[in-house]
Amino acid sequence: MASPTEISVQQLSRLIATPDCPLLIDVRMDDDFERDSRLIPGSIRCAFDQITSLLPLIADRNVIVSCQKGLKLSQGSAAILRHHGVKAETLAGGFLAWQAADLPLIPTSQLPQLQRGESSRWVTRQRPKIDRIACPWLIRRFIDPQAEFLFVAPTQVQLVAQHFDAIPFDIEDTFWSHRGELCTFDTLIDEFELHTEALDRLALIVRGADTDSHHLAPEAAGLLAASLGLSRMYKDDLVQLDAGMALYDAFFRWSRDAVDEGHDWPASVKKG
């Protein structure tokens, strides 16, 4: 009989990258993490004996804790969090069960902050349209839920990156940028090994909208229109990013769950 404080790999996989996804906390032993330093998408690292240090971050969020096998470390950590009033569950079977299910895992080698349980800081040009909203969405939903984003004048991006320990993205001559016909969103998916049917479909739409190649996907023109509309609605780039998160949440759920669904008028009425 399943524990009332456990969640299965299949259940968690449906929550990943959705606004309702709980905070995911990886409490594996350092030895286990060093053998495989990948993370379940959206996870943060924390030593099991430091779990209460995350209470200010958790606030009123639900939590799922995972360790190597879903046993003592995750169950003990979750029990401590529940003692502090947190709604905390554990991942049944832990990291090994997720791995065995052949579900996406985030390599941390490209982002050392993930290994240390720290948030990453990214910087790009101000007044974002498509890629510069799509990439933060992907990073926060799959890679680093605590990531910070700085939007500055184009001429200042590299200088801000140097002085504020930020990662420049979606500007020329940087690692995290366009590569040939692919856009920065594609680069992130490649480097963090996030190729799934849903994300690859979404990436095609983003690429079509971002590179004015609407023939790649019929939805690209709609994404461009919505993105340009958002850029006209908001003067504050961070407020626009918040609104854009909801836009990409919707496109992702369509890409994952609703591709085959249509909508006609008049609505069909079944006759009894």
C-alpha atoms as a PDB file:
ATOM      1  CA  MET A   1       0.000   0.000   0.000  1.00  0.00           C
ATOM      2  CA  ALA A   2       1.370   3.392  -1.015  1.00  0.00           C
ATOM      3  CA  SER A   3       2.308   5.776   1.764  1.00  0.00           C
ATOM      4  CA  PRO A   4       0.027   8.840   2.104  1.00  0.00           C
ATOM      5  CA  THR A   5       3.172  10.986   2.198  1.00  0.00           C
ATOM      6  CA  GLU A   6       4.726   9.589  -1.003  1.00  0.00           C
ATOM      7  CA  ILE A   7       4.323  10.564  -4.639  1.00  0.00           C
ATOM      8  CA  SER A   8       5.124   8.247  -7.530  1.00  0.00           C
ATOM      9  CA  VAL A   9       7.553   8.975 -10.348  1.00  0.00           C
ATOM     10  CA  GLN A  10       4.643   9.023 -12.808  1.00  0.00           C
ATOM     11  CA  GLN A  11       2.691  11.528 -10.710  1.00  0.00           C
ATOM     12  CA  LEU A  12       5.689  13.813 -10.329  1.00  0.00           C
ATOM     13  CA  SER A  13       6.483  13.678 -14.043  1.00  0.00           C
ATOM     14  CA  ARG A  14       3.058  15.221 -14.740  1.00  0.00           C
ATOM     15  CA  LEU A  15       3.765  18.082 -12.323  1.00  0.00           C
ATOM     16  CA  ILE A  16       7.209  19.030 -13.632  1.00  0.00           C
ATOM     17  CA  ALA A  17       7.244  22.469 -15.303  1.00  0.00           C
ATOM     18  CA  THR A  18       3.680  23.307 -14.306  1.00  0.00           C
ATOM     19  CA  PRO A  19       2.832  26.302 -12.072  1.00  0.00           C
ATOM     20  CA  ASP A  20       1.508  23.853  -9.461  1.00  0.00           C
ATOM     21  CA  CYS A  21       4.742  21.879  -9.222  1.00  0.00           C
ATOM     22  CA  PRO A  22       5.942  21.703  -5.598  1.00  0.00           C
ATOM     23  CA  LEU A  23       9.462  22.754  -4.654  1.00  0.00           C
ATOM     24  CA  LEU A  24      11.695  19.744  -5.362  1.00  0.00           C
ATOM     25  CA  ILE A  25      14.570  19.167  -2.958  1.00  0.00           C
ATOM     26  CA  ASP A  26      17.401  16.695  -3.597  1.00  0.00           C
ATOM     27  CA  VAL A  27      18.967  15.475  -0.329  1.00  0.00           C
ATOM     28  CA  ARG A  28      21.173  12.683  -1.690  1.00  0.00           C
ATOM     29  CA  MET A  29      24.426  11.956   0.098  1.00  0.00           C
ATOM     30  CA  ASP A  30      27.414  13.716  -1.474  1.00  0.00           C
ATOM     31  CA  ASP A  31      28.916  10.378  -2.520  1.00  0.00           C
ATOM     32  CA  ASP A  32      25.740   9.428  -4.399  1.00  0.00           C
ATOM     33  CA  PHE A  33      25.514  12.865  -6.000  1.00  0.00           C
ATOM     34  CA  GLU A  34      29.152  12.741  -7.123  1.00  0.00           C
ATOM     35  CA  ARG A  35      28.503   9.403  -8.852  1.00  0.00           C
ATOM     36  CA  ASP A  36      25.634  10.972 -10.807  1.00  0.00           C
ATOM     37  CA  SER A  37      25.439  14.748 -10.446  1.00  0.00           C
ATOM     38  CA  ARG A  38      22.311  15.136 -12.534  1.00  0.00           C
ATOM     39  CA  LEU A  39      19.110  16.475 -11.005  1.00  0.00           C
ATOM     40  CA  ILE A  40      15.424  15.848 -11.506  1.00  0.00           C
ATOM     41  CA  PRO A  41      14.223  18.929 -13.470  1.00  0.00           C
ATOM     42  CA  GLY A  42      13.453  21.866 -11.212  1.00  0.00           C
ATOM     43  CA  SER A  43      15.273  20.452  -8.175  1.00  0.00           C
ATOM     44  CA  ILE A  44      17.542  22.246  -5.757  1.00  0.00           C
ATOM     45  CA  ARG A  45      20.292  20.579  -3.727  1.00  0.00           C
ATOM     46  CA  CYS A  46      20.339  20.638   0.060  1.00  0.00           C
ATOM     47  CA  ALA A  47      22.155  18.549   2.652  1.00  0.00           C
ATOM     48  CA  PHE A  48      19.639  16.472   4.599  1.00  0.00           C
ATOM     49  CA  ASP A  49      20.941  17.828   7.919  1.00  0.00           C
ATOM     50  CA  GLN A  50      20.457  21.399   6.686  1.00  0.00           C
ATOM     51  CA  ILE A  51      16.860  20.981   5.546  1.00  0.00           C
ATOM     52  CA  THR A  52      15.450  23.582   7.951  1.00  0.00           C
ATOM     53  CA  SER A  53      17.666  26.234   6.331  1.00  0.00           C
ATOM     54  CA  LEU A  54      15.228  26.156   3.403  1.00  0.00           C
ATOM     55  CA  LEU A  55      12.189  27.134   5.497  1.00  0.00           C
ATOM     56  CA  PRO A  56      12.359  30.840   4.454  1.00  0.00           C
ATOM     57  CA  LEU A  57      12.510  29.776   0.789  1.00  0.00           C
ATOM     58  CA  ILE A  58       9.702  27.252   1.155  1.00  0.00           C
ATOM     59  CA  ALA A  59       7.278  29.719   2.794  1.00  0.00           C
ATOM     60  CA  ASP A  60       3.823  28.278   2.026  1.00  0.00           C
ATOM     61  CA  ARG A  61       4.855  26.069  -0.916  1.00  0.00           C
ATOM     62  CA  ASN A  62       4.362  22.312  -1.036  1.00  0.00           C
ATOM     63  CA  VAL A  63       7.549  20.254  -1.137  1.00  0.00           C
ATOM     64  CA  ILE A  64       8.715  16.934  -2.556  1.00  0.00           C
ATOM     65  CA  VAL A  65      11.962  15.538  -1.160  1.00  0.00           C
ATOM     66  CA  SER A  66      14.035  12.944  -2.988  1.00  0.00           C
ATOM     67  CA  CYS A  67      17.117  10.982  -2.005  1.00  0.00           C
ATOM     68  CA  GLN A  68      18.860   8.051  -3.657  1.00  0.00           C
ATOM     69  CA  LYS A  69      16.227   5.374  -2.935  1.00  0.00           C
ATOM     70  CA  GLY A  70      13.361   7.290  -1.302  1.00  0.00           C
ATOM     71  CA  LEU A  71      14.168   5.929   2.142  1.00  0.00           C
ATOM     72  CA  LYS A  72      15.718   7.363   5.309  1.00  0.00           C
ATOM     73  CA  LEU A  73      17.140  10.682   4.074  1.00  0.00           C
ATOM     74  CA  SER A  74      14.102  11.895   2.165  1.00  0.00           C
ATOM     75  CA  GLN A  75      11.597  10.489   4.652  1.00  0.00           C
ATOM     76  CA  GLY A  76      13.423  11.983   7.624  1.00  0.00           C
ATOM     77  CA  SER A  77      13.851  15.361   5.898  1.00  0.00           C
ATOM     78  CA  ALA A  78      10.181  15.467   4.888  1.00  0.00           C
ATOM     79  CA  ALA A  79       9.105  14.534   8.414  1.00  0.00           C
ATOM     80  CA  ILE A  80      11.131  17.431   9.831  1.00  0.00           C
ATOM     81  CA  LEU A  81       9.527  19.823   7.330  1.00  0.00           C
ATOM     82  CA  ARG A  82       6.063  18.532   8.253  1.00  0.00           C
ATOM     83  CA  HIS A  83       6.937  19.218  11.906  1.00  0.00           C
ATOM     84  CA  HIS A  84       7.430  22.848  10.842  1.00  0.00           C
ATOM     85  CA  GLY A  85       4.035  22.963   9.134  1.00  0.00           C
ATOM     86  CA  VAL A  86       5.206  22.276   5.586  1.00  0.00           C
ATOM     87  CA  LYS A  87       3.172  19.973   3.362  1.00  0.00           C
ATOM     88  CA  ALA A  88       6.044  17.677   2.386  1.00  0.00           C
ATOM     89  CA  GLU A  89       6.034  14.391   0.468  1.00  0.00           C
ATOM     90  CA  THR A  90       8.789  12.062  -0.668  1.00  0.00           C
ATOM     91  CA  LEU A  91       9.466  10.578  -4.095  1.00  0.00           C
ATOM     92  CA  ALA A  92       8.796   6.834  -4.004  1.00  0.00           C
ATOM     93  CA  GLY A  93      11.954   5.024  -5.074  1.00  0.00           C
ATOM     94  CA  GLY A  94      13.910   8.280  -5.105  1.00  0.00           C
ATOM     95  CA  PHE A  95      16.405   9.349  -7.735  1.00  0.00           C
ATOM     96  CA  LEU A  96      17.026   5.769  -8.853  1.00  0.00           C
ATOM     97  CA  ALA A  97      13.340   5.242  -9.640  1.00  0.00           C
ATOM     98  CA  TRP A  98      13.259   8.438 -11.720  1.00  0.00           C
ATOM     99  CA  GLN A  99      16.407   7.352 -13.535  1.00  0.00           C
ATOM    100  CA  ALA A 100      15.009   3.859 -14.174  1.00  0.00           C
ATOM    101  CA  ALA A 101      11.903   5.410 -15.741  1.00  0.00           C
ATOM    102  CA  ASP A 102      14.189   7.085 -18.314  1.00  0.00           C
ATOM    103  CA  LEU A 103      12.826  10.533 -17.523  1.00  0.00           C
ATOM    104  CA  PRO A 104      14.809  13.755 -18.178  1.00  0.00           C
ATOM    105  CA  LEU A 105      17.671  14.596 -15.838  1.00  0.00           C
ATOM    106  CA  ILE A 106      19.520  17.912 -15.718  1.00  0.00           C
ATOM    107  CA  PRO A 107      23.332  17.758 -16.002  1.00  0.00           C
ATOM    108  CA  THR A 108      24.812  20.213 -13.531  1.00  0.00           C
ATOM    109  CA  SER A 109      28.251  20.453 -15.138  1.00  0.00           C
ATOM    110  CA  GLN A 110      27.214  23.531 -17.157  1.00  0.00           C
ATOM    111  CA  LEU A 111      25.885  25.322 -14.083  1.00  0.00           C
ATOM    112  CA  PRO A 112      27.988  24.787 -10.940  1.00  0.00           C
ATOM    113  CA  GLN A 113      25.472  26.756  -8.869  1.00  0.00           C
ATOM    114  CA  LEU A 114      23.115  23.778  -9.152  1.00  0.00           C
ATOM    115  CA  GLN A 115      25.710  21.532  -7.540  1.00  0.00           C
ATOM    116  CA  ARG A 116      26.060  23.924  -4.613  1.00  0.00           C
ATOM    117  CA  GLY A 117      22.333  24.505  -4.134  1.00  0.00           C
ATOM    118  CA  GLU A 118      22.710  28.168  -5.087  1.00  0.00           C
ATOM    119  CA  SER A 119      20.635  30.276  -7.452  1.00  0.00           C
ATOM    120  CA  SER A 120      22.023  31.306 -10.819  1.00  0.00           C
ATOM    121  CA  ARG A 121      21.967  34.844 -12.188  1.00  0.00           C
ATOM    122  CA  TRP A 122      21.463  35.564 -15.887  1.00  0.00           C
ATOM    123  CA  VAL A 123      21.686  38.809 -17.852  1.00  0.00           C
ATOM    124  CA  THR A 124      20.441  39.845 -21.267  1.00  0.00           C
ATOM    125  CA  ARG A 125      19.226  42.820 -23.283  1.00  0.00           C
ATOM    126  CA  GLN A 126      16.300  44.833 -22.009  1.00  0.00           C
ATOM    127  CA  ARG A 127      12.883  44.944 -23.703  1.00  0.00           C
ATOM    128  CA  PRO A 128      12.539  41.184 -24.315  1.00  0.00           C
ATOM    129  CA  LYS A 129      10.274  39.768 -27.002  1.00  0.00           C
ATOM    130  CA  ILE A 130      10.480  35.993 -27.581  1.00  0.00           C
ATOM    131  CA  ASP A 131      13.742  34.155 -26.832  1.00  0.00           C
ATOM    132  CA  ARG A 132      14.475  36.398 -23.848  1.00  0.00           C
ATOM    133  CA  ILE A 133      11.155  35.365 -22.267  1.00  0.00           C
ATOM    134  CA  ALA A 134      11.154  31.748 -23.469  1.00  0.00           C
ATOM    135  CA  CYS A 135      14.622  31.073 -22.029  1.00  0.00           C
ATOM    136  CA  PRO A 136      13.847  32.361 -18.514  1.00  0.00           C
ATOM    137  CA  TRP A 137      10.667  30.262 -18.580  1.00  0.00           C
ATOM    138  CA  LEU A 138      12.662  27.143 -19.488  1.00  0.00           C
ATOM    139  CA  ILE A 139      15.332  27.866 -16.880  1.00  0.00           C
ATOM    140  CA  ARG A 140      12.878  28.480 -14.041  1.00  0.00           C
ATOM    141  CA  ARG A 141      10.580  25.592 -14.881  1.00  0.00           C
ATOM    142  CA  PHE A 142      13.221  22.933 -15.629  1.00  0.00           C
ATOM    143  CA  ILE A 143      16.727  24.008 -14.611  1.00  0.00           C
ATOM    144  CA  ASP A 144      16.889  26.465 -11.720  1.00  0.00           C
ATOM    145  CA  PRO A 145      13.625  27.522 -10.054  1.00  0.00           C
ATOM    146  CA  GLN A 146      15.484  30.227  -8.104  1.00  0.00           C
ATOM    147  CA  ALA A 147      17.189  31.813 -11.121  1.00  0.00           C
ATOM    148  CA  GLU A 148      17.470  35.617 -11.268  1.00  0.00           C
ATOM    149  CA  PHE A 149      17.175  37.562 -14.521  1.00  0.00           C
ATOM    150  CA  LEU A 150      18.654  40.968 -15.227  1.00  0.00           C
ATOM    151  CA  PHE A 151      17.541  43.041 -18.210  1.00  0.00           C
ATOM    152  CA  VAL A 152      19.968  45.854 -19.094  1.00  0.00           C
ATOM    153  CA  ALA A 153      21.016  48.065 -22.005  1.00  0.00           C
ATOM    154  CA  PRO A 154      22.530  46.008 -24.867  1.00  0.00           C
ATOM    155  CA  THR A 155      25.921  47.726 -24.529  1.00  0.00           C
ATOM    156  CA  GLN A 156      26.108  46.860 -20.829  1.00  0.00           C
ATOM    157  CA  VAL A 157      25.279  43.137 -20.877  1.00  0.00           C
ATOM    158  CA  GLN A 158      28.868  41.867 -20.860  1.00  0.00           C
ATOM    159  CA  LEU A 159      30.013  44.425 -18.287  1.00  0.00           C
ATOM    160  CA  VAL A 160      27.117  43.573 -15.974  1.00  0.00           C
ATOM    161  CA  ALA A 161      27.935  39.882 -16.432  1.00  0.00           C
ATOM    162  CA  GLN A 162      31.520  40.501 -15.316  1.00  0.00           C
ATOM    163  CA  HIS A 163      30.743  42.733 -12.354  1.00  0.00           C
ATOM    164  CA  PHE A 164      27.686  40.911 -11.017  1.00  0.00           C
ATOM    165  CA  ASP A 165      28.697  37.294 -11.654  1.00  0.00           C
ATOM    166  CA  ALA A 166      25.854  36.850 -14.147  1.00  0.00           C
ATOM    167  CA  ILE A 167      25.568  34.556 -17.161  1.00  0.00           C
ATOM    168  CA  PRO A 168      25.003  36.452 -20.426  1.00  0.00           C
ATOM    169  CA  PHE A 169      22.424  34.906 -22.741  1.00  0.00           C
ATOM    170  CA  ASP A 170      20.787  35.595 -26.099  1.00  0.00           C
ATOM    171  CA  ILE A 171      23.472  38.042 -27.235  1.00  0.00           C
ATOM    172  CA  GLU A 172      26.059  37.525 -29.975  1.00  0.00           C
ATOM    173  CA  ASP A 173      29.386  35.796 -29.303  1.00  0.00           C
ATOM    174  CA  THR A 174      28.320  34.100 -26.069  1.00  0.00           C
ATOM    175  CA  PHE A 175      27.891  30.422 -25.230  1.00  0.00           C
ATOM    176  CA  TRP A 176      24.187  30.694 -24.421  1.00  0.00           C
ATOM    177  CA  SER A 177      22.963  32.149 -27.695  1.00  0.00           C
ATOM    178  CA  HIS A 178      21.868  31.306 -31.229  1.00  0.00           C
ATOM    179  CA  ARG A 179      23.760  28.575 -33.064  1.00  0.00           C
ATOM    180  CA  GLY A 180      23.253  28.571 -36.797  1.00  0.00           C
ATOM    181  CA  GLU A 181      19.527  28.322 -37.479  1.00  0.00           C
ATOM    182  CA  LEU A 182      18.791  27.406 -33.863  1.00  0.00           C
ATOM    183  CA  CYS A 183      17.892  29.986 -31.229  1.00  0.00           C
ATOM    184  CA  THR A 184      18.964  30.266 -27.593  1.00  0.00           C
ATOM    185  CA  PHE A 185      15.969  28.232 -26.419  1.00  0.00           C
ATOM    186  CA  ASP A 186      17.281  25.355 -28.563  1.00  0.00           C
ATOM    187  CA  THR A 187      20.766  25.782 -27.091  1.00  0.00           C
ATOM    188  CA  LEU A 188      19.433  25.419 -23.552  1.00  0.00           C
ATOM    189  CA  ILE A 189      17.486  22.301 -24.473  1.00  0.00           C
ATOM    190  CA  ASP A 190      20.595  20.781 -26.100  1.00  0.00           C
ATOM    191  CA  GLU A 191      23.027  21.599 -23.304  1.00  0.00           C
ATOM    192  CA  PHE A 192      20.705  20.522 -20.488  1.00  0.00           C
ATOM    193  CA  GLU A 193      19.546  17.394 -22.333  1.00  0.00           C
ATOM    194  CA  LEU A 194      15.891  18.350 -22.186  1.00  0.00           C
ATOM    195  CA  HIS A 195      14.758  16.843 -25.453  1.00  0.00           C
ATOM    196  CA  THR A 196      11.211  15.561 -25.016  1.00  0.00           C
ATOM    197  CA  GLU A 197       8.409  15.448 -27.528  1.00  0.00           C
ATOM    198  CA  ALA A 198       6.626  18.377 -25.859  1.00  0.00           C
ATOM    199  CA  LEU A 199       9.695  20.602 -25.486  1.00  0.00           C
ATOM    200  CA  ASP A 200      10.947  19.863 -28.992  1.00  0.00           C
ATOM    201  CA  ARG A 201       7.534  20.850 -30.336  1.00  0.00           C
ATOM    202  CA  LEU A 202       7.588  24.053 -28.286  1.00  0.00           C
ATOM    203  CA  ALA A 203      11.165  24.773 -29.397  1.00  0.00           C
ATOM    204  CA  LEU A 204      10.059  24.665 -33.034  1.00  0.00           C
ATOM    205  CA  ILE A 205       7.369  27.241 -32.297  1.00  0.00           C
ATOM    206  CA  VAL A 206       9.807  29.483 -30.411  1.00  0.00           C
ATOM    207  CA  ARG A 207      12.361  29.199 -33.216  1.00  0.00           C
ATOM    208  CA  GLY A 208       9.754  30.011 -35.830  1.00  0.00           C
ATOM    209  CA  ALA A 209       8.595  33.094 -33.939  1.00  0.00           C
ATOM    210  CA  ASP A 210      12.070  34.269 -32.919  1.00  0.00           C
ATOM    211  CA  THR A 211      13.661  33.945 -36.373  1.00  0.00           C
ATOM    212  CA  ASP A 212      10.629  35.033 -38.419  1.00  0.00           C
ATOM    213  CA  SER A 213      10.347  31.521 -39.872  1.00  0.00           C
ATOM    214  CA  HIS A 214       6.638  30.981 -39.429  1.00  0.00           C
ATOM    215  CA  HIS A 215       6.625  28.098 -41.887  1.00  0.00           C
ATOM    216  CA  LEU A 216       8.234  25.928 -39.193  1.00  0.00           C
ATOM    217  CA  ALA A 217       5.021  25.783 -37.140  1.00  0.00           C
ATOM    218  CA  PRO A 218       1.613  27.413 -37.650  1.00  0.00           C
ATOM    219  CA  GLU A 219       1.603  28.445 -33.967  1.00  0.00           C
ATOM    220  CA  ALA A 220       4.740  30.583 -34.433  1.00  0.00           C
ATOM    221  CA  ALA A 221       2.785  33.543 -35.785  1.00  0.00           C
ATOM    222  CA  GLY A 222       0.468  33.420 -32.783  1.00  0.00           C
ATOM    223  CA  LEU A 223       3.388  33.339 -30.357  1.00  0.00           C
ATOM    224  CA  LEU A 224       4.948  36.330 -32.120  1.00  0.00           C
ATOM    225  CA  ALA A 225       1.698  38.283 -31.913  1.00  0.00           C
ATOM    226  CA  ALA A 226       1.205  37.492 -28.215  1.00  0.00           C
ATOM    227  CA  SER A 227       4.846  38.305 -27.436  1.00  0.00           C
ATOM    228  CA  LEU A 228       4.737  41.665 -29.198  1.00  0.00           C
ATOM    229  CA  GLY A 229       1.486  42.429 -27.441  1.00  0.00           C
ATOM    230  CA  LEU A 230       3.053  41.720 -24.041  1.00  0.00           C
ATOM    231  CA  SER A 231       6.022  43.944 -24.868  1.00  0.00           C
ATOM    232  CA  ARG A 232       3.594  46.819 -25.556  1.00  0.00           C
ATOM    233  CA  MET A 233       1.590  46.175 -22.397  1.00  0.00           C
ATOM    234  CA  TYR A 234       4.433  46.321 -19.883  1.00  0.00           C
ATOM    235  CA  LYS A 235       7.206  48.875 -19.382  1.00  0.00           C
ATOM    236  CA  ASP A 236       8.826  46.835 -16.609  1.00  0.00           C
ATOM    237  CA  ASP A 237      10.674  43.858 -18.125  1.00  0.00           C
ATOM    238  CA  LEU A 238      10.289  41.760 -14.967  1.00  0.00           C
ATOM    239  CA  VAL A 239       6.529  42.330 -14.896  1.00  0.00           C
ATOM    240  CA  GLN A 240       6.463  41.325 -18.550  1.00  0.00           C
ATOM    241  CA  LEU A 241       8.448  38.192 -17.673  1.00  0.00           C
ATOM    242  CA  ASP A 242       5.870  37.265 -15.026  1.00  0.00           C
ATOM    243  CA  ALA A 243       3.094  37.597 -17.610  1.00  0.00           C
ATOM    244  CA  GLY A 244       5.170  35.723 -20.166  1.00  0.00           C
ATOM    245  CA  MET A 245       5.603  32.793 -17.770  1.00  0.00           C
ATOM    246  CA  ALA A 246       1.863  32.181 -17.968  1.00  0.00           C
ATOM    247  CA  LEU A 247       1.973  32.423 -21.770  1.00  0.00           C
ATOM    248  CA  TYR A 248       4.672  29.753 -22.029  1.00  0.00           C
ATOM    249  CA  ASP A 249       2.962  27.612 -19.410  1.00  0.00           C
ATOM    250  CA  ALA A 250      -0.032  27.536 -21.745  1.00  0.00           C
ATOM    251  CA  PHE A 251       2.026  26.760 -24.857  1.00  0.00           C
ATOM    252  CA  PHE A 252       3.840  23.981 -23.004  1.00  0.00           C
ATOM    253  CA  ARG A 253       0.626  22.362 -21.801  1.00  0.00           C
ATOM    254  CA  TRP A 254      -0.760  22.548 -25.336  1.00  0.00           C
ATOM    255  CA  SER A 255       2.452  20.980 -26.663  1.00  0.00           C
ATOM    256  CA  ARG A 256       2.282  18.227 -24.074  1.00  0.00           C
ATOM    257  CA  ASP A 257      -1.434  17.490 -23.772  1.00  0.00           C
ATOM    258  CA  ALA A 258      -3.631  19.172 -26.359  1.00  0.00           C
ATOM    259  CA  VAL A 259      -2.011  18.968 -29.796  1.00  0.00           C
ATOM    260  CA  ASP A 260      -4.751  16.714 -31.176  1.00  0.00           C
ATOM    261  CA  GLU A 261      -7.629  18.736 -29.753  1.00  0.00           C
ATOM    262  CA  GLY A 262      -9.574  21.115 -31.991  1.00  0.00           C
ATOM    263  CA  HIS A 263     -12.352  23.604 -31.454  1.00  0.00           C
ATOM    264  CA  ASP A 264     -15.311  24.050 -33.804  1.00  0.00           C
ATOM    265  CA  TRP A 265     -18.408  26.187 -34.034  1.00  0.00           C
ATOM    266  CA  PRO A 266     -21.233  25.572 -33.642  1.00  0.00           C
ATOM    267  CA  ALA A 267     -20.607  23.153 -30.815  1.00  0.00           C
ATOM    268  CA  SER A 268     -21.863  19.692 -31.581  1.00  0.00           C
ATOM    269  CA  VAL A 269     -24.919  18.646 -29.622  1.00  0.00           C
ATOM    270  CA  LYS A 270     -25.616  15.009 -29.018  1.00  0.00           C
ATOM    271  CA  LYS A 271     -29.232  14.111 -29.640  1.00  0.00           C
ATOM    272  CA  GLY A 272     -30.800  11.744 -27.161  1.00  0.00           C
END
